[in-house]
Amino acid sequence: MPKETAVYTHGHHESVLRSHRWRTAQNSAAYLLGELEPGMSVLDVGCGPGTITADLAALVAPGAVTGLDTQQEILDAAAAAARERGLENVSFAVADVHALDYPDDSFDVVHAHQVLQHVGDPVQALREMRRVCRPGGIVAARDSDYAAMTWYPEVPGMEAWLTLYRQVARANGGEPDAGRRLLSWARQAGFTDIVPTAAAWCYATPESRSWWSGLWADRTVGSAYAQKAVEGGHATPEDLAAAAAAWRAWGEEGDGWFMVPHGEVLCRA
């Protein structure tokens, strides 16, 4: 496929949105929050259902926030969520991060959460994010790293799930182990003032374990990822059912613990 083309591996199945709607600025962009001030203009790339976007809008009000994604349907959901919160300083638009339709130096902050792992050319995406960020502004990116995910106990089938996911994501044109590459990509994009950090989500309480295992079990058999896994010849429906069963078995473990590590970069434009 062309270098700048990638298929969004997860799609917008309910099980995917169940995860995305849980995300907040605090649990998904804490590394950025110290840079935000009222009155700033923010571009949120790959905003999905807009929960982080809405939090950013509340934090920088009366500054304006623009959320971008590739599908109008998910942007409509994001706009509805913003209206429910009474936010009047946020708007949404369909866009491609490889070629943003904004003039140079348009925003104080350009943010992308779990986006660069899904694009065909993350370096070009960062160059565009840098181009539309004003001099001295901040470009912020955070991505998980699938190969570094770890869990306990070692339930049979979980390693097979991880291997399969990484195969499908790469076949779709993405890089599932993006977290460890963010610093390298940022340097290739021309940034020289970069603060790299890491953080993690952890699912280990009965409630969080049930939620995390359930959404992944559902995603493994019912989402765009499942469809691409079968259509691409990476797995059979029986393989996916076995992976979903492994997720549910892990979720029932009283000692169950799962960590999702993230790489983060704050880049001064």
C-alpha atoms as a PDB file:
ATOM      1  CA  MET A   1       0.000   0.000   0.000  1.00  0.00           C
ATOM      2  CA  PRO A   2       1.183   3.612  -0.484  1.00  0.00           C
ATOM      3  CA  LYS A   3       3.433   4.789   2.311  1.00  0.00           C
ATOM      4  CA  GLU A   4       0.982   7.393   3.572  1.00  0.00           C
ATOM      5  CA  THR A   5      -1.996   5.022   3.520  1.00  0.00           C
ATOM      6  CA  ALA A   6      -2.979   2.841   6.435  1.00  0.00           C
ATOM      7  CA  VAL A   7      -6.156   1.122   7.532  1.00  0.00           C
ATOM      8  CA  TYR A   8      -7.332   1.930  11.051  1.00  0.00           C
ATOM      9  CA  THR A   9      -6.978  -1.514  12.579  1.00  0.00           C
ATOM     10  CA  HIS A  10      -9.674  -1.244  15.245  1.00  0.00           C
ATOM     11  CA  GLY A  11     -12.474   0.593  13.451  1.00  0.00           C
ATOM     12  CA  HIS A  12     -15.300   2.056  15.532  1.00  0.00           C
ATOM     13  CA  HIS A  13     -17.037  -1.058  16.818  1.00  0.00           C
ATOM     14  CA  GLU A  14     -18.820  -0.605  20.148  1.00  0.00           C
ATOM     15  CA  SER A  15     -16.059  -2.544  21.918  1.00  0.00           C
ATOM     16  CA  VAL A  16     -13.504  -0.060  20.581  1.00  0.00           C
ATOM     17  CA  LEU A  17     -15.534   2.990  21.602  1.00  0.00           C
ATOM     18  CA  ARG A  18     -16.046   1.430  25.019  1.00  0.00           C
ATOM     19  CA  SER A  19     -12.306   1.811  25.475  1.00  0.00           C
ATOM     20  CA  HIS A  20     -11.965   5.213  23.809  1.00  0.00           C
ATOM     21  CA  ARG A  21     -14.753   6.828  25.818  1.00  0.00           C
ATOM     22  CA  TRP A  22     -12.944   5.884  29.036  1.00  0.00           C
ATOM     23  CA  ARG A  23     -10.005   8.095  28.077  1.00  0.00           C
ATOM     24  CA  THR A  24      -9.585  11.488  29.692  1.00  0.00           C
ATOM     25  CA  ALA A  25      -6.928  14.162  29.599  1.00  0.00           C
ATOM     26  CA  GLN A  26      -5.849  13.020  33.056  1.00  0.00           C
ATOM     27  CA  ASN A  27      -5.438   9.317  32.291  1.00  0.00           C
ATOM     28  CA  SER A  28      -4.223   9.727  28.720  1.00  0.00           C
ATOM     29  CA  ALA A  29      -2.476  13.105  28.395  1.00  0.00           C
ATOM     30  CA  ALA A  30      -1.133  13.914  31.859  1.00  0.00           C
ATOM     31  CA  TYR A  31       2.325  14.580  30.376  1.00  0.00           C
ATOM     32  CA  LEU A  32       0.838  17.493  28.410  1.00  0.00           C
ATOM     33  CA  LEU A  33      -1.330  19.150  31.036  1.00  0.00           C
ATOM     34  CA  GLY A  34       1.429  21.277  32.569  1.00  0.00           C
ATOM     35  CA  GLU A  35       1.901  23.008  29.213  1.00  0.00           C
ATOM     36  CA  LEU A  36      -1.716  24.110  28.846  1.00  0.00           C
ATOM     37  CA  GLU A  37      -3.004  27.572  29.692  1.00  0.00           C
ATOM     38  CA  PRO A  38      -6.372  29.303  29.258  1.00  0.00           C
ATOM     39  CA  GLY A  39      -6.636  31.002  25.893  1.00  0.00           C
ATOM     40  CA  MET A  40      -4.459  28.533  23.975  1.00  0.00           C
ATOM     41  CA  SER A  41      -5.540  27.132  20.616  1.00  0.00           C
ATOM     42  CA  VAL A  42      -5.313  23.345  20.377  1.00  0.00           C
ATOM     43  CA  LEU A  43      -5.515  20.862  17.505  1.00  0.00           C
ATOM     44  CA  ASP A  44      -6.416  17.330  18.642  1.00  0.00           C
ATOM     45  CA  VAL A  45      -5.488  14.890  15.878  1.00  0.00           C
ATOM     46  CA  GLY A  46      -7.349  11.573  15.765  1.00  0.00           C
ATOM     47  CA  CYS A  47      -9.828  12.639  18.414  1.00  0.00           C
ATOM     48  CA  GLY A  48     -12.213   9.677  18.113  1.00  0.00           C
ATOM     49  CA  PRO A  49     -15.307  10.104  20.312  1.00  0.00           C
ATOM     50  CA  GLY A  50     -13.827  13.287  21.752  1.00  0.00           C
ATOM     51  CA  THR A  51     -13.501  12.649  25.476  1.00  0.00           C
ATOM     52  CA  ILE A  52      -9.902  13.887  25.619  1.00  0.00           C
ATOM     53  CA  THR A  53     -10.778  16.711  23.225  1.00  0.00           C
ATOM     54  CA  ALA A  54     -13.548  17.912  25.505  1.00  0.00           C
ATOM     55  CA  ASP A  55     -11.230  17.854  28.514  1.00  0.00           C
ATOM     56  CA  LEU A  56      -8.659  19.900  26.615  1.00  0.00           C
ATOM     57  CA  ALA A  57     -11.357  22.393  25.609  1.00  0.00           C
ATOM     58  CA  ALA A  58     -12.370  22.825  29.242  1.00  0.00           C
ATOM     59  CA  LEU A  59      -8.757  23.356  30.289  1.00  0.00           C
ATOM     60  CA  VAL A  60      -7.863  26.013  27.689  1.00  0.00           C
ATOM     61  CA  ALA A  61     -11.185  27.891  27.545  1.00  0.00           C
ATOM     62  CA  PRO A  62     -11.761  30.480  26.202  1.00  0.00           C
ATOM     63  CA  GLY A  63      -9.147  29.192  23.763  1.00  0.00           C
ATOM     64  CA  ALA A  64     -10.438  27.188  20.802  1.00  0.00           C
ATOM     65  CA  VAL A  65      -9.945  23.424  20.331  1.00  0.00           C
ATOM     66  CA  THR A  66     -10.351  21.592  17.023  1.00  0.00           C
ATOM     67  CA  GLY A  67     -10.745  17.813  16.938  1.00  0.00           C
ATOM     68  CA  LEU A  68      -9.835  15.908  13.793  1.00  0.00           C
ATOM     69  CA  ASP A  69     -10.587  12.389  12.632  1.00  0.00           C
ATOM     70  CA  THR A  70     -11.001  10.540   9.362  1.00  0.00           C
ATOM     71  CA  GLN A  71     -14.697   9.601   9.723  1.00  0.00           C
ATOM     72  CA  GLN A  72     -17.612  12.005  10.020  1.00  0.00           C
ATOM     73  CA  GLU A  73     -19.670   9.501  12.000  1.00  0.00           C
ATOM     74  CA  ILE A  74     -17.275   9.444  14.937  1.00  0.00           C
ATOM     75  CA  LEU A  75     -16.932  13.241  14.777  1.00  0.00           C
ATOM     76  CA  ASP A  76     -20.698  13.577  15.077  1.00  0.00           C
ATOM     77  CA  ALA A  77     -20.521  11.517  18.270  1.00  0.00           C
ATOM     78  CA  ALA A  78     -17.675  13.695  19.558  1.00  0.00           C
ATOM     79  CA  ALA A  79     -19.626  16.880  18.824  1.00  0.00           C
ATOM     80  CA  ALA A  80     -22.657  15.506  20.681  1.00  0.00           C
ATOM     81  CA  ALA A  81     -20.496  14.706  23.708  1.00  0.00           C
ATOM     82  CA  ALA A  82     -19.088  18.240  23.695  1.00  0.00           C
ATOM     83  CA  ARG A  83     -22.584  19.715  23.541  1.00  0.00           C
ATOM     84  CA  GLU A  84     -23.633  17.598  26.511  1.00  0.00           C
ATOM     85  CA  ARG A  85     -20.822  19.194  28.503  1.00  0.00           C
ATOM     86  CA  GLY A  86     -21.862  22.684  27.406  1.00  0.00           C
ATOM     87  CA  LEU A  87     -18.563  23.356  25.647  1.00  0.00           C
ATOM     88  CA  GLU A  88     -18.764  26.121  23.058  1.00  0.00           C
ATOM     89  CA  ASN A  89     -15.049  26.432  22.243  1.00  0.00           C
ATOM     90  CA  VAL A  90     -14.620  23.113  20.425  1.00  0.00           C
ATOM     91  CA  SER A  91     -15.220  22.149  16.797  1.00  0.00           C
ATOM     92  CA  PHE A  92     -14.565  19.047  14.699  1.00  0.00           C
ATOM     93  CA  ALA A  93     -13.469  18.334  11.124  1.00  0.00           C
ATOM     94  CA  VAL A  94     -12.538  15.430   8.868  1.00  0.00           C
ATOM     95  CA  ALA A  95      -8.832  15.504   8.028  1.00  0.00           C
ATOM     96  CA  ASP A  96      -5.744  13.507   7.062  1.00  0.00           C
ATOM     97  CA  VAL A  97      -2.814  14.108   9.400  1.00  0.00           C
ATOM     98  CA  HIS A  98      -0.379  13.613   6.503  1.00  0.00           C
ATOM     99  CA  ALA A  99      -1.756  16.759   4.817  1.00  0.00           C
ATOM    100  CA  LEU A 100      -3.500  19.075   7.273  1.00  0.00           C
ATOM    101  CA  ASP A 101      -5.696  21.750   5.742  1.00  0.00           C
ATOM    102  CA  TYR A 102      -4.462  24.569   7.993  1.00  0.00           C
ATOM    103  CA  PRO A 103      -1.943  27.366   7.428  1.00  0.00           C
ATOM    104  CA  ASP A 104       1.479  27.292   9.018  1.00  0.00           C
ATOM    105  CA  ASP A 105       1.671  28.369  12.669  1.00  0.00           C
ATOM    106  CA  SER A 106      -2.072  27.963  13.316  1.00  0.00           C
ATOM    107  CA  PHE A 107      -2.109  26.394  16.795  1.00  0.00           C
ATOM    108  CA  ASP A 108      -0.370  26.710  20.141  1.00  0.00           C
ATOM    109  CA  VAL A 109      -0.607  22.972  20.830  1.00  0.00           C
ATOM    110  CA  VAL A 110      -0.993  20.019  18.463  1.00  0.00           C
ATOM    111  CA  HIS A 111      -1.836  16.734  20.196  1.00  0.00           C
ATOM    112  CA  ALA A 112      -2.199  13.134  19.042  1.00  0.00           C
ATOM    113  CA  HIS A 113      -3.127  10.236  21.313  1.00  0.00           C
ATOM    114  CA  GLN A 114      -2.807   6.665  19.975  1.00  0.00           C
ATOM    115  CA  VAL A 115      -2.637   7.978  16.411  1.00  0.00           C
ATOM    116  CA  LEU A 116       0.888   7.533  15.053  1.00  0.00           C
ATOM    117  CA  GLN A 117       0.755   3.756  15.458  1.00  0.00           C
ATOM    118  CA  HIS A 118      -2.054   3.685  12.895  1.00  0.00           C
ATOM    119  CA  VAL A 119      -0.773   5.995  10.151  1.00  0.00           C
ATOM    120  CA  GLY A 120       1.217   5.063   7.074  1.00  0.00           C
ATOM    121  CA  ASP A 121       3.956   7.662   7.562  1.00  0.00           C
ATOM    122  CA  PRO A 122       4.307   8.806  11.180  1.00  0.00           C
ATOM    123  CA  VAL A 123       7.285  11.031  10.391  1.00  0.00           C
ATOM    124  CA  GLN A 124       5.314  12.938   7.759  1.00  0.00           C
ATOM    125  CA  ALA A 125       2.422  13.163  10.219  1.00  0.00           C
ATOM    126  CA  LEU A 126       4.726  14.752  12.791  1.00  0.00           C
ATOM    127  CA  ARG A 127       6.111  17.141  10.168  1.00  0.00           C
ATOM    128  CA  GLU A 128       2.580  18.305   9.421  1.00  0.00           C
ATOM    129  CA  MET A 129       1.798  18.638  13.113  1.00  0.00           C
ATOM    130  CA  ARG A 130       4.953  20.733  13.463  1.00  0.00           C
ATOM    131  CA  ARG A 131       4.069  22.876  10.442  1.00  0.00           C
ATOM    132  CA  VAL A 132       0.700  23.931  11.838  1.00  0.00           C
ATOM    133  CA  CYS A 133       2.117  24.573  15.319  1.00  0.00           C
ATOM    134  CA  ARG A 134       3.309  28.099  16.039  1.00  0.00           C
ATOM    135  CA  PRO A 135       7.017  28.633  16.782  1.00  0.00           C
ATOM    136  CA  GLY A 136       7.607  27.857  20.438  1.00  0.00           C
ATOM    137  CA  GLY A 137       4.398  25.831  20.657  1.00  0.00           C
ATOM    138  CA  ILE A 138       4.065  22.185  21.631  1.00  0.00           C
ATOM    139  CA  VAL A 139       3.541  19.066  19.557  1.00  0.00           C
ATOM    140  CA  ALA A 140       2.575  16.187  21.849  1.00  0.00           C
ATOM    141  CA  ALA A 141       2.212  12.521  20.941  1.00  0.00           C
ATOM    142  CA  ARG A 142       1.510   9.421  23.010  1.00  0.00           C
ATOM    143  CA  ASP A 143       1.306   5.851  21.732  1.00  0.00           C
ATOM    144  CA  SER A 144       1.147   2.429  23.278  1.00  0.00           C
ATOM    145  CA  ASP A 145       3.722  -0.275  22.601  1.00  0.00           C
ATOM    146  CA  TYR A 146       2.177  -3.689  22.040  1.00  0.00           C
ATOM    147  CA  ALA A 147       5.367  -5.743  22.227  1.00  0.00           C
ATOM    148  CA  ALA A 148       6.020  -4.285  25.679  1.00  0.00           C
ATOM    149  CA  MET A 149       2.550  -5.093  27.024  1.00  0.00           C
ATOM    150  CA  THR A 150       2.722  -7.619  29.804  1.00  0.00           C
ATOM    151  CA  TRP A 151       0.317  -9.541  31.968  1.00  0.00           C
ATOM    152  CA  TYR A 152      -0.029 -12.151  34.666  1.00  0.00           C
ATOM    153  CA  PRO A 153      -0.807 -15.008  34.888  1.00  0.00           C
ATOM    154  CA  GLU A 154       0.333 -16.562  31.620  1.00  0.00           C
ATOM    155  CA  VAL A 155      -3.054 -17.717  30.375  1.00  0.00           C
ATOM    156  CA  PRO A 156      -2.746 -19.977  27.296  1.00  0.00           C
ATOM    157  CA  GLY A 157      -3.675 -18.121  24.134  1.00  0.00           C
ATOM    158  CA  MET A 158      -2.730 -14.618  25.231  1.00  0.00           C
ATOM    159  CA  GLU A 159       0.684 -14.692  23.533  1.00  0.00           C
ATOM    160  CA  ALA A 160      -0.980 -15.925  20.353  1.00  0.00           C
ATOM    161  CA  TRP A 161      -3.386 -12.979  20.555  1.00  0.00           C
ATOM    162  CA  LEU A 162      -0.504 -10.504  20.826  1.00  0.00           C
ATOM    163  CA  THR A 163       1.395 -12.063  17.909  1.00  0.00           C
ATOM    164  CA  LEU A 164      -1.727 -11.986  15.764  1.00  0.00           C
ATOM    165  CA  TYR A 165      -2.589  -8.394  16.609  1.00  0.00           C
ATOM    166  CA  ARG A 166       0.885  -7.160  15.675  1.00  0.00           C
ATOM    167  CA  GLN A 167       0.719  -9.053  12.375  1.00  0.00           C
ATOM    168  CA  VAL A 168      -2.644  -7.567  11.471  1.00  0.00           C
ATOM    169  CA  ALA A 169      -1.674  -4.024  12.476  1.00  0.00           C
ATOM    170  CA  ARG A 170       1.484  -4.141  10.355  1.00  0.00           C
ATOM    171  CA  ALA A 171      -0.382  -5.620   7.407  1.00  0.00           C
ATOM    172  CA  ASN A 172      -2.758  -2.655   7.696  1.00  0.00           C
ATOM    173  CA  GLY A 173       0.187  -0.263   7.313  1.00  0.00           C
ATOM    174  CA  GLY A 174       0.674   0.675  10.970  1.00  0.00           C
ATOM    175  CA  GLU A 175       3.336   0.131  13.629  1.00  0.00           C
ATOM    176  CA  PRO A 176       1.903  -1.422  16.802  1.00  0.00           C
ATOM    177  CA  ASP A 177       5.153  -0.916  18.730  1.00  0.00           C
ATOM    178  CA  ALA A 178       5.016   2.836  18.186  1.00  0.00           C
ATOM    179  CA  GLY A 179       5.672   3.924  21.769  1.00  0.00           C
ATOM    180  CA  ARG A 180       9.392   3.117  21.648  1.00  0.00           C
ATOM    181  CA  ARG A 181       9.753   4.847  18.285  1.00  0.00           C
ATOM    182  CA  LEU A 182       8.248   8.254  19.089  1.00  0.00           C
ATOM    183  CA  LEU A 183      11.574   9.878  19.958  1.00  0.00           C
ATOM    184  CA  SER A 184      13.153   8.585  16.758  1.00  0.00           C
ATOM    185  CA  TRP A 185      10.200   9.696  14.634  1.00  0.00           C
ATOM    186  CA  ALA A 186      10.203  13.138  16.232  1.00  0.00           C
ATOM    187  CA  ARG A 187      13.901  13.598  15.512  1.00  0.00           C
ATOM    188  CA  GLN A 188      13.382  12.490  11.898  1.00  0.00           C
ATOM    189  CA  ALA A 189      10.573  15.043  11.629  1.00  0.00           C
ATOM    190  CA  GLY A 190      13.023  17.804  12.496  1.00  0.00           C
ATOM    191  CA  PHE A 191      12.375  18.416  16.176  1.00  0.00           C
ATOM    192  CA  THR A 192      15.427  19.145  18.306  1.00  0.00           C
ATOM    193  CA  ASP A 193      13.811  20.156  21.621  1.00  0.00           C
ATOM    194  CA  ILE A 194      12.103  16.943  22.744  1.00  0.00           C
ATOM    195  CA  VAL A 195      11.129  15.682  26.178  1.00  0.00           C
ATOM    196  CA  PRO A 196      10.545  11.895  25.973  1.00  0.00           C
ATOM    197  CA  THR A 197       8.697  10.135  28.790  1.00  0.00           C
ATOM    198  CA  ALA A 198       6.739   6.956  29.456  1.00  0.00           C
ATOM    199  CA  ALA A 199       3.606   6.055  31.389  1.00  0.00           C
ATOM    200  CA  ALA A 200       1.308   3.068  31.724  1.00  0.00           C
ATOM    201  CA  TRP A 201      -2.258   1.982  32.167  1.00  0.00           C
ATOM    202  CA  CYS A 202      -2.726  -0.897  34.589  1.00  0.00           C
ATOM    203  CA  TYR A 203      -5.781  -3.134  34.842  1.00  0.00           C
ATOM    204  CA  ALA A 204      -5.692  -5.234  37.999  1.00  0.00           C
ATOM    205  CA  THR A 205      -8.799  -4.573  40.081  1.00  0.00           C
ATOM    206  CA  PRO A 206     -11.780  -6.905  39.572  1.00  0.00           C
ATOM    207  CA  GLU A 207     -13.716  -4.095  37.885  1.00  0.00           C
ATOM    208  CA  SER A 208     -10.953  -2.895  35.546  1.00  0.00           C
ATOM    209  CA  ARG A 209      -9.886  -6.450  34.727  1.00  0.00           C
ATOM    210  CA  SER A 210     -13.428  -7.422  33.776  1.00  0.00           C
ATOM    211  CA  TRP A 211     -13.846  -4.275  31.674  1.00  0.00           C
ATOM    212  CA  TRP A 212     -10.514  -4.601  29.849  1.00  0.00           C
ATOM    213  CA  SER A 213     -10.773  -8.327  29.158  1.00  0.00           C
ATOM    214  CA  GLY A 214     -14.392  -8.012  28.066  1.00  0.00           C
ATOM    215  CA  LEU A 215     -13.822  -5.253  25.546  1.00  0.00           C
ATOM    216  CA  TRP A 216     -10.814  -7.044  24.053  1.00  0.00           C
ATOM    217  CA  ALA A 217     -12.691 -10.329  23.849  1.00  0.00           C
ATOM    218  CA  ASP A 218     -15.514  -8.556  22.019  1.00  0.00           C
ATOM    219  CA  ARG A 219     -13.098  -6.612  19.810  1.00  0.00           C
ATOM    220  CA  THR A 220     -11.264  -9.795  18.846  1.00  0.00           C
ATOM    221  CA  VAL A 221     -14.352 -11.372  17.292  1.00  0.00           C
ATOM    222  CA  GLY A 222     -16.567  -8.441  16.316  1.00  0.00           C
ATOM    223  CA  SER A 223     -14.563  -5.402  15.222  1.00  0.00           C
ATOM    224  CA  ALA A 224     -12.841  -4.267  12.042  1.00  0.00           C
ATOM    225  CA  TYR A 225      -9.697  -5.863  13.469  1.00  0.00           C
ATOM    226  CA  ALA A 226     -11.408  -9.260  13.429  1.00  0.00           C
ATOM    227  CA  GLN A 227     -12.589  -8.740   9.867  1.00  0.00           C
ATOM    228  CA  LYS A 228      -9.126  -7.696   8.683  1.00  0.00           C
ATOM    229  CA  ALA A 229      -7.522 -10.634  10.496  1.00  0.00           C
ATOM    230  CA  VAL A 230      -9.689 -13.102   8.578  1.00  0.00           C
ATOM    231  CA  GLU A 231      -9.716 -11.289   5.223  1.00  0.00           C
ATOM    232  CA  GLY A 232      -5.938 -10.942   5.331  1.00  0.00           C
ATOM    233  CA  GLY A 233      -5.421 -14.642   5.959  1.00  0.00           C
ATOM    234  CA  HIS A 234      -3.856 -14.044   9.373  1.00  0.00           C
ATOM    235  CA  ALA A 235      -6.428 -16.025  11.345  1.00  0.00           C
ATOM    236  CA  THR A 236      -9.563 -18.108  11.057  1.00  0.00           C
ATOM    237  CA  PRO A 237     -12.775 -17.332  12.934  1.00  0.00           C
ATOM    238  CA  GLU A 238     -11.868 -20.265  15.176  1.00  0.00           C
ATOM    239  CA  ASP A 239      -8.494 -18.669  15.947  1.00  0.00           C
ATOM    240  CA  LEU A 240     -10.233 -15.431  16.906  1.00  0.00           C
ATOM    241  CA  ALA A 241     -12.731 -17.254  19.080  1.00  0.00           C
ATOM    242  CA  ALA A 242      -9.841 -18.952  20.885  1.00  0.00           C
ATOM    243  CA  ALA A 243      -8.126 -15.601  21.439  1.00  0.00           C
ATOM    244  CA  ALA A 244     -11.349 -14.099  22.801  1.00  0.00           C
ATOM    245  CA  ALA A 245     -11.719 -17.067  25.148  1.00  0.00           C
ATOM    246  CA  ALA A 246      -8.157 -16.485  26.358  1.00  0.00           C
ATOM    247  CA  TRP A 247      -9.019 -12.878  27.154  1.00  0.00           C
ATOM    248  CA  ARG A 248     -12.082 -13.933  29.131  1.00  0.00           C
ATOM    249  CA  ALA A 249     -10.093 -16.601  30.977  1.00  0.00           C
ATOM    250  CA  TRP A 250      -7.462 -14.024  31.937  1.00  0.00           C
ATOM    251  CA  GLY A 251     -10.199 -11.644  33.101  1.00  0.00           C
ATOM    252  CA  GLU A 252     -11.496 -14.273  35.514  1.00  0.00           C
ATOM    253  CA  GLU A 253      -8.130 -14.706  37.211  1.00  0.00           C
ATOM    254  CA  GLY A 254      -8.159 -13.267  40.723  1.00  0.00           C
ATOM    255  CA  ASP A 255      -4.460 -12.404  40.359  1.00  0.00           C
ATOM    256  CA  GLY A 256      -4.925 -10.971  36.874  1.00  0.00           C
ATOM    257  CA  TRP A 257      -2.754  -7.929  36.070  1.00  0.00           C
ATOM    258  CA  PHE A 258      -2.245  -6.222  32.699  1.00  0.00           C
ATOM    259  CA  MET A 259       0.012  -3.289  31.845  1.00  0.00           C
ATOM    260  CA  VAL A 260      -0.185  -1.135  28.719  1.00  0.00           C
ATOM    261  CA  PRO A 261       3.007   0.952  28.405  1.00  0.00           C
ATOM    262  CA  HIS A 262       3.106   4.202  26.436  1.00  0.00           C
ATOM    263  CA  GLY A 263       5.850   6.294  24.950  1.00  0.00           C
ATOM    264  CA  GLU A 264       5.305  10.052  25.059  1.00  0.00           C
ATOM    265  CA  VAL A 265       7.017  13.044  23.481  1.00  0.00           C
ATOM    266  CA  LEU A 266       6.633  16.766  24.102  1.00  0.00           C
ATOM    267  CA  CYS A 267       8.265  18.533  21.166  1.00  0.00           C
ATOM    268  CA  ARG A 268       8.917  22.265  21.053  1.00  0.00           C
ATOM    269  CA  ALA A 269       8.130  23.597  17.603  1.00  0.00           C
END
